[in-house]
Amino acid sequence: MTENADDTRAPLSLEEVTQAVLDLGAERTLEGFVARFLETLRRWAAPSAVLAAVRDPAAESGWKLLPALCAGSGPLGAERSVRQLIEDVPQDLVRPSLVRSGREMPGVKVRENCVVPWSCEGESGVLMLRGVVDSTPRNLADAVALLCAPVWPRLLGGPAARVEASVAEMRRLAGRLRDDADRQVERLQAAVDAGRLADLEQQLTAARGEVVRLLDERRATVDSEAVARAAQEGLAAARKEIAEAGESASRHMLEREEFRQQVTTLEKALGEVEQERDEIRREADRLAHELEAARAAGAGEAVTGRPAEPVPGSSETVEVLRRALAVLRRTPFIPPPLRVAMQEAGVAVGEKDERPGRWLRIAVLDRDTTGLEPLATELEAAGMDVKIASHPEELALLLKTPQGRELDAVICDVLAFRPDQTVAGIFRGWEKDRPGLALYLSFSRDSPPEVERAQRVPLPLTKGRFQRPLNRAELMEMLEPLRRPTP
């Protein structure tokens, strides 16, 4: 606050000023608000007059008084007095200050004036406390500036508040006009005849009609401003909806492009699977013919008593076929025709599923599917059903089949995903296709690229993480909590 170092007057405490501002803001009506404000000024400074003025270039003096905040005995032509006092202020009315009039008279002690400049809603003006007492606090100017902080927004307000104040002012002026007209009628009633009185009454009626017309025009202005404000709000809401619709359209176009890429990838993977199916079917037919030939040769030996010529590689061929059937059984997605051919080939070689009851169904996505065959054999011997995939698209197809709905867990090698694929996004898609599916990541902690890509997958998306290469003991330990209850 602005203070004079030589001034010994006690200042107002910050707590007292804060409490005064809070009490002022608690007033709900404008009349009570103005009354409390003026009462606080009288308690702090006991001024002889309070003048509040706003700059008005259209006025002769350049200032216009705010009647609601004016109190006390102000001089005639108060606007010119305000202008003269401001011209005498040496610091160009930049900060709140206590100033003395430059026109002092011998033997007369002139009281100080408190001048507080203000600015609000594009308007600016000054609040003047004329003739404050000598015992006023030395920080009065700054305290009054803080007290005025809620006054100008409340008094001037926004467009609606200013219109309301204008309407109130028009009503007050209309009341004064009616009072003046009534007094004039009373004065003339004793001096004019009945005809003259009728003319005066007619003029009074016309004056009242003019007042009513002015009030109606003011109300129409208020209504038009309200309609314009409502139209602006509606326009802003429409623009916001258009922007949201544009963002939604962009998001849908991006999703459509992602779905198109996924469909293209799945179609490519399906073509590769169908090609592999055709090759396996041809190999199965060839092996079935060789097996039939071997059986026919054995039957001929039993009839003729002569040893039949051995079919080259017949036992090895059956073993190869059985291994091929085991690999196919672990393939995540097998088209129905290939599945039927695989079952027929299994019957031809006498293949029987002698695995114990399956207590867990898992799928393994890995970059090295050939190296996982021994581990898959061990896990199947321990009672698990194992599917092995080398591409994420194979698992995507599996999760859309009835077998996919029976799946309990998926273990994914972090480098089995292409660089353009987002592991977290794929995991979220799988969770939608198969809610409750346990997802695991596998990576080598000695490989910085694998560790870095695994760290980009949020921990809540995964049930756990395995160290590569996978081993049976760790898998059994971490998958044991998923064991299905024995029926």
Protein backbone atom coordinates (compact mmCIF):
# COMPACT_ATOMS: atom_id res chain seq x y z
CA MET A 1 0.00 0.00 0.00
CA THR A 2 1.14 3.60 -0.63
CA GLU A 3 2.38 5.11 2.64
CA ASN A 4 4.38 8.16 3.81
CA ALA A 5 7.40 7.07 5.84
CA ASP A 6 7.01 10.15 8.12
CA ASP A 7 3.30 9.58 8.67
CA THR A 8 2.53 8.31 12.21
CA ARG A 9 -1.15 7.64 11.65
CA ALA A 10 -2.12 3.99 12.29
CA PRO A 11 -2.87 2.09 9.06
CA LEU A 12 -5.88 -0.12 8.41
CA SER A 13 -4.98 -3.79 8.86
CA LEU A 14 -5.28 -6.19 5.92
CA GLU A 15 -7.69 -8.33 7.95
CA GLU A 16 -10.05 -5.38 8.52
CA VAL A 17 -10.00 -4.46 4.82
CA THR A 18 -10.57 -8.11 3.81
CA GLN A 19 -13.52 -8.44 6.19
CA ALA A 20 -15.04 -5.22 4.83
CA VAL A 21 -14.78 -6.55 1.26
CA LEU A 22 -16.38 -9.88 2.30
CA ASP A 23 -19.24 -8.10 4.10
CA LEU A 24 -19.77 -5.94 1.02
CA GLY A 25 -19.93 -8.96 -1.30
CA ALA A 26 -22.50 -10.65 0.99
CA GLU A 27 -25.12 -7.96 0.25
CA ARG A 28 -27.72 -9.36 -2.16
CA THR A 29 -29.55 -6.17 -3.14
CA LEU A 30 -27.97 -3.24 -4.96
CA GLU A 31 -29.44 -0.72 -2.45
CA GLY A 32 -27.94 -2.58 0.52
CA PHE A 33 -24.68 -2.98 -1.37
CA VAL A 34 -24.33 0.79 -2.02
CA ALA A 35 -25.45 1.67 1.54
CA ARG A 36 -22.83 -0.61 3.13
CA PHE A 37 -20.13 0.75 0.80
CA LEU A 38 -20.87 4.38 1.73
CA GLU A 39 -21.13 3.50 5.43
CA THR A 40 -17.67 1.88 5.32
CA LEU A 41 -16.20 5.01 3.70
CA ARG A 42 -17.76 7.21 6.42
CA ARG A 43 -16.37 4.96 9.16
CA TRP A 44 -12.84 5.03 7.72
CA ALA A 45 -12.53 8.67 6.55
CA ALA A 46 -15.66 10.69 7.49
CA PRO A 47 -15.53 12.61 4.16
CA SER A 48 -17.64 15.68 3.61
CA ALA A 49 -18.71 14.33 0.23
CA VAL A 50 -18.31 11.21 -1.93
CA LEU A 51 -18.19 11.69 -5.70
CA ALA A 52 -17.97 8.86 -8.26
CA ALA A 53 -17.44 9.85 -11.90
CA VAL A 54 -16.88 8.01 -15.20
CA ARG A 55 -15.10 9.38 -18.25
CA ASP A 56 -17.59 10.64 -20.88
CA PRO A 57 -16.11 12.30 -23.99
CA ALA A 58 -19.56 13.53 -24.94
CA ALA A 59 -19.91 15.56 -21.72
CA GLU A 60 -18.75 19.19 -21.58
CA SER A 61 -16.30 18.54 -18.74
CA GLY A 62 -15.30 15.10 -20.01
CA TRP A 63 -16.79 13.43 -16.87
CA LYS A 64 -20.22 12.16 -15.85
CA LEU A 65 -21.26 11.51 -12.24
CA LEU A 66 -22.61 8.13 -11.05
CA PRO A 67 -25.53 9.26 -8.84
CA ALA A 68 -25.82 5.90 -7.03
CA LEU A 69 -22.38 6.38 -5.40
CA CYS A 70 -22.55 10.15 -4.75
CA ALA A 71 -23.29 11.33 -1.19
CA GLY A 72 -22.71 14.38 1.00
CA SER A 73 -22.50 18.06 0.13
CA GLY A 74 -20.98 18.25 -3.31
CA PRO A 75 -20.37 21.59 -5.06
CA LEU A 76 -22.40 22.89 -7.95
CA GLY A 77 -20.93 21.79 -11.23
CA ALA A 78 -19.34 18.75 -9.54
CA GLU A 79 -18.15 17.40 -12.91
CA ARG A 80 -15.97 20.50 -13.43
CA SER A 81 -14.72 20.17 -9.85
CA VAL A 82 -13.68 16.57 -10.55
CA ARG A 83 -11.85 17.61 -13.69
CA GLN A 84 -10.07 20.49 -11.86
CA LEU A 85 -8.98 18.20 -9.01
CA ILE A 86 -7.63 15.58 -11.41
CA GLU A 87 -5.67 18.26 -13.31
CA ASP A 88 -4.06 19.29 -9.99
CA VAL A 89 -2.89 15.74 -9.19
CA PRO A 90 0.87 15.66 -9.89
CA GLN A 91 1.19 11.93 -10.60
CA ASP A 92 -1.38 11.90 -13.45
CA LEU A 93 -3.94 9.83 -11.55
CA VAL A 94 -2.04 6.53 -11.83
CA ARG A 95 -2.33 5.23 -8.25
CA PRO A 96 -4.72 5.79 -5.33
CA SER A 97 -3.47 8.75 -3.29
CA LEU A 98 -4.29 11.41 -0.70
CA VAL A 99 -3.91 14.92 -2.18
CA ARG A 100 -4.47 18.50 -1.02
CA SER A 101 -6.06 21.25 -3.03
CA GLY A 102 -3.57 23.60 -4.64
CA ARG A 103 -5.69 26.62 -3.57
CA GLU A 104 -4.91 27.10 0.16
CA MET A 105 -5.98 30.18 2.10
CA PRO A 106 -4.04 31.75 5.00
CA GLY A 107 -5.35 30.71 8.39
CA VAL A 108 -7.52 27.93 6.93
CA LYS A 109 -6.43 24.31 7.16
CA VAL A 110 -7.55 22.49 4.04
CA ARG A 111 -8.44 18.84 4.43
CA GLU A 112 -6.98 16.16 2.20
CA ASN A 113 -8.95 14.54 -0.61
CA CYS A 114 -8.70 10.78 -1.32
CA VAL A 115 -8.60 10.08 -5.08
CA VAL A 116 -8.94 6.46 -6.33
CA PRO A 117 -8.81 5.78 -10.11
CA TRP A 118 -10.67 2.70 -11.44
CA SER A 119 -11.26 0.76 -14.67
CA CYS A 120 -13.87 -1.94 -15.45
CA GLU A 121 -15.56 -3.39 -18.55
CA GLY A 122 -13.91 -0.84 -20.85
CA GLU A 123 -15.02 2.06 -18.64
CA SER A 124 -12.68 4.16 -16.44
CA GLY A 125 -13.26 6.83 -13.86
CA VAL A 126 -12.40 8.11 -10.41
CA LEU A 127 -13.80 7.88 -6.87
CA MET A 128 -13.18 11.03 -4.79
CA LEU A 129 -13.58 11.40 -1.01
CA ARG A 130 -13.62 15.17 -0.34
CA GLY A 131 -12.38 16.56 2.97
CA VAL A 132 -11.32 13.41 4.86
CA VAL A 133 -10.49 13.86 8.58
CA ASP A 134 -6.91 14.33 9.78
CA SER A 135 -6.98 11.11 11.79
CA THR A 136 -7.66 9.03 8.70
CA PRO A 137 -5.40 5.90 8.33
CA ARG A 138 -2.27 6.54 6.31
CA ASN A 139 -3.07 3.69 3.92
CA LEU A 140 -6.65 4.89 3.32
CA ALA A 141 -6.21 5.32 -0.47
CA ASP A 142 -5.02 1.74 -1.01
CA ALA A 143 -7.66 0.36 1.38
CA VAL A 144 -10.43 2.18 -0.54
CA ALA A 145 -9.01 0.82 -3.82
CA LEU A 146 -9.31 -2.74 -2.45
CA LEU A 147 -12.81 -2.03 -1.12
CA CYS A 148 -13.86 -0.80 -4.59
CA ALA A 149 -12.78 -4.08 -6.29
CA PRO A 150 -16.30 -5.64 -6.15
CA VAL A 151 -18.11 -2.30 -6.55
CA TRP A 152 -17.51 -1.56 -10.24
CA PRO A 153 -18.43 -5.05 -11.61
CA ARG A 154 -21.56 -4.99 -9.42
CA LEU A 155 -22.50 -1.43 -10.36
CA LEU A 156 -21.61 -1.53 -14.06
CA GLY A 157 -21.96 -5.29 -14.65
CA GLY A 158 -22.36 -6.89 -18.09
CA PRO A 159 -24.77 -5.81 -20.86
CA ALA A 160 -27.82 -7.19 -19.09
CA ALA A 161 -26.93 -5.45 -15.81
CA ARG A 162 -26.33 -2.15 -17.59
CA VAL A 163 -29.66 -2.45 -19.38
CA GLU A 164 -31.37 -3.17 -16.05
CA ALA A 165 -29.69 -0.13 -14.50
CA SER A 166 -30.78 1.99 -17.47
CA VAL A 167 -34.35 0.79 -17.09
CA ALA A 168 -34.25 1.61 -13.36
CA GLU A 169 -32.86 5.07 -14.17
CA MET A 170 -35.60 5.60 -16.77
CA ARG A 171 -38.21 4.62 -14.21
CA ARG A 172 -36.70 7.01 -11.68
CA LEU A 173 -36.70 9.84 -14.23
CA ALA A 174 -40.27 8.97 -15.21
CA GLY A 175 -41.28 9.19 -11.56
CA ARG A 176 -39.61 12.57 -11.22
CA LEU A 177 -41.36 13.73 -14.40
CA ARG A 178 -44.71 12.64 -13.06
CA ASP A 179 -44.05 14.38 -9.74
CA ASP A 180 -43.04 17.59 -11.54
CA ALA A 181 -46.12 17.42 -13.72
CA ASP A 182 -48.39 16.88 -10.72
CA ARG A 183 -46.88 19.86 -8.89
CA GLN A 184 -47.30 22.01 -12.01
CA VAL A 185 -50.95 21.02 -12.28
CA GLU A 186 -51.51 21.90 -8.64
CA ARG A 187 -49.96 25.37 -9.15
CA LEU A 188 -52.01 26.07 -12.27
CA GLN A 189 -55.31 24.80 -10.95
CA ALA A 190 -55.80 27.97 -8.87
CA ALA A 191 -54.90 30.36 -11.73
CA VAL A 192 -56.63 28.98 -14.82
CA ASP A 193 -60.19 28.29 -15.77
CA ALA A 194 -61.77 24.95 -16.42
CA GLY A 195 -60.93 25.02 -20.16
CA ARG A 196 -57.30 25.83 -19.51
CA LEU A 197 -57.15 23.07 -16.93
CA ALA A 198 -58.55 20.62 -19.50
CA ASP A 199 -55.77 21.61 -21.90
CA LEU A 200 -53.18 21.09 -19.22
CA GLU A 201 -54.65 17.69 -18.36
CA GLN A 202 -54.50 16.79 -22.04
CA GLN A 203 -50.85 17.84 -22.14
CA LEU A 204 -50.18 15.83 -19.00
CA THR A 205 -51.84 12.80 -20.57
CA ALA A 206 -49.67 13.26 -23.65
CA ALA A 207 -46.58 13.54 -21.47
CA ARG A 208 -47.50 10.34 -19.64
CA GLY A 209 -48.07 8.62 -22.99
CA GLU A 210 -44.62 9.73 -24.11
CA VAL A 211 -43.12 8.29 -20.94
CA VAL A 212 -44.92 5.00 -21.52
CA ARG A 213 -43.68 4.98 -25.12
CA LEU A 214 -40.08 5.53 -23.96
CA LEU A 215 -40.41 2.73 -21.43
CA ASP A 216 -41.82 0.38 -24.11
CA GLU A 217 -38.92 1.22 -26.45
CA ARG A 218 -36.46 0.51 -23.66
CA ARG A 219 -38.11 -2.83 -22.93
CA ALA A 220 -37.96 -3.70 -26.66
CA THR A 221 -34.24 -2.90 -26.64
CA VAL A 222 -33.75 -5.20 -23.67
CA ASP A 223 -35.69 -7.97 -25.44
CA SER A 224 -33.67 -7.56 -28.66
CA GLU A 225 -30.40 -7.74 -26.75
CA ALA A 226 -31.59 -10.92 -25.02
CA VAL A 227 -32.58 -12.43 -28.38
CA ALA A 228 -29.20 -11.49 -29.87
CA ARG A 229 -27.39 -13.03 -26.91
CA ALA A 230 -29.46 -16.22 -27.22
CA ALA A 231 -28.70 -16.34 -30.96
CA GLN A 232 -24.96 -15.98 -30.27
CA GLU A 233 -25.10 -18.79 -27.71
CA GLY A 234 -26.98 -20.98 -30.20
CA LEU A 235 -24.41 -20.20 -32.90
CA ALA A 236 -21.56 -21.08 -30.56
CA ALA A 237 -23.28 -24.37 -29.64
CA ALA A 238 -23.83 -25.18 -33.33
CA ARG A 239 -20.17 -24.47 -34.11
CA LYS A 240 -19.12 -26.71 -31.24
CA GLU A 241 -21.37 -29.53 -32.53
CA ILE A 242 -19.94 -29.11 -36.05
CA ALA A 243 -16.39 -29.30 -34.69
CA GLU A 244 -17.25 -32.43 -32.66
CA ALA A 245 -18.90 -33.98 -35.73
CA GLY A 246 -15.75 -33.24 -37.77
CA GLU A 247 -13.56 -34.86 -35.13
CA SER A 248 -15.88 -37.88 -34.98
CA ALA A 249 -15.80 -38.21 -38.79
CA SER A 250 -11.99 -38.04 -38.80
CA ARG A 251 -11.84 -40.67 -36.07
CA HIS A 252 -14.24 -42.96 -37.97
CA MET A 253 -12.21 -42.56 -41.18
CA LEU A 254 -9.03 -43.48 -39.28
CA GLU A 255 -10.74 -46.51 -37.73
CA ARG A 256 -12.07 -47.54 -41.14
CA GLU A 257 -8.56 -47.37 -42.62
CA GLU A 258 -7.21 -49.47 -39.72
CA PHE A 259 -9.98 -52.04 -40.22
CA ARG A 260 -9.22 -52.13 -43.96
CA GLN A 261 -5.56 -52.81 -43.25
CA GLN A 262 -6.51 -55.54 -40.76
CA VAL A 263 -8.85 -57.15 -43.31
CA THR A 264 -6.10 -57.05 -45.95
CA THR A 265 -3.65 -58.67 -43.52
CA LEU A 266 -6.16 -61.33 -42.50
CA GLU A 267 -6.98 -62.12 -46.13
CA LYS A 268 -3.26 -62.51 -46.86
CA ALA A 269 -2.83 -64.77 -43.83
CA LEU A 270 -5.89 -66.80 -44.84
CA GLY A 271 -4.44 -67.25 -48.33
CA GLU A 272 -1.18 -68.53 -46.84
CA VAL A 273 -3.08 -70.92 -44.56
CA GLU A 274 -5.18 -72.22 -47.46
CA GLN A 275 -2.05 -72.74 -49.55
CA GLU A 276 -0.42 -74.62 -46.67
CA ARG A 277 -3.66 -76.61 -46.27
CA ASP A 278 -3.57 -77.66 -49.92
CA GLU A 279 0.06 -78.77 -49.61
CA ILE A 280 -0.67 -80.77 -46.45
CA ARG A 281 -3.74 -82.32 -48.09
CA ARG A 282 -1.66 -83.40 -51.09
CA GLU A 283 1.00 -84.83 -48.76
CA ALA A 284 -1.69 -86.61 -46.71
CA ASP A 285 -3.20 -88.17 -49.87
CA ARG A 286 0.22 -89.33 -51.00
CA LEU A 287 0.99 -90.84 -47.60
CA ALA A 288 -2.44 -92.48 -47.45
CA HIS A 289 -1.82 -94.13 -50.84
CA GLU A 290 1.55 -95.39 -49.68
CA LEU A 291 -0.03 -96.73 -46.50
CA GLU A 292 -2.72 -98.57 -48.48
CA ALA A 293 -0.03 -100.01 -50.71
CA ALA A 294 1.90 -101.19 -47.65
CA ARG A 295 -1.23 -102.84 -46.20
CA ALA A 296 -2.00 -104.51 -49.52
CA ALA A 297 1.53 -105.85 -49.70
CA GLY A 298 1.18 -107.29 -46.19
CA ALA A 299 -2.10 -109.00 -47.13
CA GLY A 300 -0.47 -110.53 -50.21
CA GLU A 301 2.31 -111.99 -48.08
CA ALA A 302 -0.27 -113.61 -45.80
CA VAL A 303 -2.07 -115.24 -48.79
CA THR A 304 0.88 -116.39 -50.84
CA GLY A 305 3.21 -117.18 -48.00
CA ARG A 306 5.91 -115.17 -49.74
CA PRO A 307 7.41 -112.10 -48.24
CA ALA A 308 6.18 -108.96 -49.99
CA GLU A 309 8.55 -106.40 -51.25
CA PRO A 310 8.77 -103.60 -48.64
CA VAL A 311 7.43 -100.22 -49.57
CA PRO A 312 10.35 -97.80 -49.41
CA GLY A 313 10.10 -95.55 -46.32
CA SER A 314 6.65 -96.82 -45.24
CA SER A 315 7.32 -96.65 -41.45
CA GLU A 316 9.15 -93.38 -41.78
CA THR A 317 6.27 -92.05 -43.87
CA VAL A 318 3.73 -92.90 -41.17
CA GLU A 319 5.89 -91.22 -38.53
CA VAL A 320 6.25 -88.10 -40.67
CA LEU A 321 2.48 -88.05 -41.17
CA ARG A 322 1.91 -88.32 -37.44
CA ARG A 323 4.28 -85.44 -36.76
CA ALA A 324 2.51 -83.39 -39.41
CA LEU A 325 -0.85 -84.15 -37.77
CA ALA A 326 0.55 -83.06 -34.39
CA VAL A 327 1.73 -79.76 -35.90
CA LEU A 328 -1.66 -79.25 -37.55
CA ARG A 329 -3.43 -80.00 -34.29
CA ARG A 330 -1.44 -77.16 -32.67
CA THR A 331 -2.23 -74.71 -35.49
CA PRO A 332 -4.59 -72.00 -34.13
CA PHE A 333 -6.95 -71.72 -37.09
CA ILE A 334 -7.66 -74.59 -39.50
CA PRO A 335 -10.35 -74.18 -42.20
CA PRO A 336 -13.11 -76.81 -41.96
CA PRO A 337 -12.11 -78.74 -45.16
CA LEU A 338 -8.53 -79.09 -43.94
CA ARG A 339 -9.75 -80.20 -40.52
CA VAL A 340 -11.81 -82.97 -42.12
CA ALA A 341 -8.82 -84.10 -44.22
CA MET A 342 -6.64 -84.09 -41.11
CA GLN A 343 -9.14 -86.29 -39.23
CA GLU A 344 -9.28 -88.75 -42.16
CA ALA A 345 -5.48 -88.90 -42.30
CA GLY A 346 -5.39 -89.52 -38.52
CA VAL A 347 -7.81 -92.43 -38.90
CA ALA A 348 -5.73 -93.81 -41.79
CA VAL A 349 -2.55 -93.99 -39.69
CA GLY A 350 -4.38 -95.13 -36.56
CA GLU A 351 -3.70 -91.84 -34.74
CA LYS A 352 -5.48 -91.63 -31.37
CA ASP A 353 -5.53 -88.73 -28.95
CA GLU A 354 -4.10 -90.40 -25.84
CA ARG A 355 -3.40 -87.15 -24.02
CA PRO A 356 -4.76 -86.91 -20.44
CA GLY A 357 -7.64 -84.61 -19.54
CA ARG A 358 -6.85 -81.01 -20.46
CA TRP A 359 -6.91 -78.67 -17.46
CA LEU A 360 -5.80 -75.57 -19.37
CA ARG A 361 -6.00 -74.32 -22.97
CA ILE A 362 -3.25 -71.92 -24.07
CA ALA A 363 -1.93 -70.37 -27.28
CA VAL A 364 1.71 -69.36 -27.85
CA LEU A 365 2.64 -66.62 -30.36
CA ASP A 366 6.36 -66.90 -31.06
CA ARG A 367 8.92 -65.98 -33.71
CA ASP A 368 10.42 -69.53 -33.53
CA THR A 369 7.53 -71.97 -33.85
CA THR A 370 9.77 -74.92 -34.77
CA GLY A 371 11.79 -74.58 -31.57
CA LEU A 372 8.56 -74.65 -29.50
CA GLU A 373 7.49 -78.15 -30.66
CA PRO A 374 9.40 -80.03 -27.89
CA LEU A 375 8.06 -77.63 -25.22
CA ALA A 376 4.52 -78.04 -26.61
CA THR A 377 4.89 -81.83 -26.38
CA GLU A 378 5.91 -81.56 -22.71
CA LEU A 379 3.03 -79.22 -21.88
CA GLU A 380 0.53 -81.52 -23.62
CA ALA A 381 1.90 -84.44 -21.65
CA ALA A 382 1.25 -82.36 -18.49
CA GLY A 383 -2.43 -81.96 -19.43
CA MET A 384 -2.53 -78.74 -21.42
CA ASP A 385 -3.99 -78.04 -24.84
CA VAL A 386 -1.41 -75.98 -26.79
CA LYS A 387 -1.82 -73.90 -29.96
CA ILE A 388 1.26 -72.42 -31.67
CA ALA A 389 1.09 -69.37 -33.98
CA SER A 390 3.71 -67.28 -35.75
CA HIS A 391 1.50 -64.31 -36.76
CA PRO A 392 -0.93 -62.23 -34.64
CA GLU A 393 -3.54 -62.60 -37.39
CA GLU A 394 -3.74 -66.36 -36.69
CA LEU A 395 -4.73 -65.67 -33.08
CA ALA A 396 -7.22 -63.01 -34.25
CA LEU A 397 -8.95 -65.65 -36.39
CA LEU A 398 -8.82 -68.22 -33.56
CA LEU A 399 -10.52 -65.86 -31.06
CA LYS A 400 -13.50 -65.52 -33.41
CA THR A 401 -14.13 -69.32 -33.44
CA PRO A 402 -15.78 -71.57 -30.82
CA GLN A 403 -12.32 -72.96 -29.93
CA GLY A 404 -11.15 -69.40 -29.21
CA ARG A 405 -13.92 -68.94 -26.65
CA GLU A 406 -12.50 -71.92 -24.70
CA LEU A 407 -8.99 -70.42 -24.62
CA ASP A 408 -7.63 -69.56 -21.14
CA ALA A 409 -4.32 -67.80 -21.81
CA VAL A 410 -2.14 -66.41 -24.62
CA ILE A 411 1.67 -66.05 -24.35
CA CYS A 412 3.04 -63.58 -26.91
CA ASP A 413 6.64 -63.06 -27.99
CA VAL A 414 7.08 -59.28 -28.13
CA LEU A 415 9.05 -59.55 -31.41
CA ALA A 416 6.39 -61.70 -33.09
CA PHE A 417 4.53 -58.45 -33.83
CA ARG A 418 5.53 -56.39 -36.84
CA PRO A 419 7.11 -52.96 -36.21
CA ASP A 420 4.00 -51.22 -37.61
CA GLN A 421 1.73 -53.03 -35.15
CA THR A 422 0.84 -51.65 -31.69
CA VAL A 423 0.94 -54.46 -29.12
CA ALA A 424 -1.27 -52.61 -26.61
CA GLY A 425 -3.92 -51.90 -29.25
CA ILE A 426 -3.96 -55.55 -30.40
CA PHE A 427 -4.29 -56.74 -26.78
CA ARG A 428 -7.28 -54.43 -26.23
CA GLY A 429 -8.94 -55.80 -29.38
CA TRP A 430 -8.43 -59.37 -28.17
CA GLU A 431 -9.95 -58.51 -24.79
CA LYS A 432 -13.08 -57.32 -26.59
CA ASP A 433 -13.29 -60.57 -28.61
CA ARG A 434 -12.56 -62.76 -25.57
CA PRO A 435 -13.30 -61.05 -22.21
CA GLY A 436 -11.34 -62.50 -19.29
CA LEU A 437 -8.52 -63.87 -21.47
CA ALA A 438 -5.16 -63.92 -19.61
CA LEU A 439 -2.47 -62.22 -21.73
CA TYR A 440 1.27 -62.74 -21.14
CA LEU A 441 4.38 -61.24 -22.75
CA SER A 442 7.66 -63.05 -23.37
CA PHE A 443 10.95 -61.29 -24.13
CA SER A 444 14.66 -61.54 -23.49
CA ARG A 445 15.84 -59.22 -20.73
CA ASP A 446 19.30 -59.24 -22.34
CA SER A 447 17.97 -57.62 -25.54
CA PRO A 448 17.44 -53.82 -25.21
CA PRO A 449 15.04 -53.65 -28.21
CA GLU A 450 12.82 -56.35 -26.70
CA VAL A 451 12.89 -54.73 -23.26
CA GLU A 452 12.08 -51.31 -24.75
CA ARG A 453 9.09 -52.62 -26.72
CA ALA A 454 7.79 -54.60 -23.74
CA GLN A 455 7.93 -51.46 -21.57
CA ARG A 456 5.55 -49.70 -23.99
CA VAL A 457 2.82 -52.23 -23.13
CA PRO A 458 0.94 -51.07 -19.96
CA LEU A 459 1.29 -53.54 -17.08
CA PRO A 460 -2.50 -53.69 -16.37
CA LEU A 461 -3.02 -55.21 -19.87
CA THR A 462 -0.96 -58.31 -19.05
CA LYS A 463 -1.28 -61.06 -16.46
CA GLY A 464 2.48 -61.59 -16.31
CA ARG A 465 5.73 -61.63 -18.26
CA PHE A 466 8.02 -64.57 -19.14
CA GLN A 467 11.76 -64.69 -19.80
CA ARG A 468 12.82 -66.07 -23.17
CA PRO A 469 13.54 -68.82 -24.00
CA LEU A 470 10.44 -70.32 -22.42
CA ASN A 471 10.88 -73.26 -20.04
CA ARG A 472 8.38 -75.77 -18.74
CA ALA A 473 8.94 -75.17 -15.01
CA GLU A 474 8.29 -71.41 -15.15
CA LEU A 475 5.25 -71.87 -17.39
CA MET A 476 3.71 -74.48 -15.11
CA GLU A 477 4.30 -72.30 -12.04
CA MET A 478 2.77 -69.13 -13.50
CA LEU A 479 -0.13 -70.87 -15.25
CA GLU A 480 -1.12 -73.03 -12.26
CA PRO A 481 -3.53 -70.35 -10.85
CA LEU A 482 -5.53 -70.60 -14.11
CA ARG A 483 -6.18 -74.35 -13.67
CA ARG A 484 -9.75 -75.31 -14.47
CA PRO A 485 -11.67 -77.03 -11.68
CA THR A 486 -11.89 -80.80 -12.09
CA PRO A 487 -15.44 -81.80 -13.10
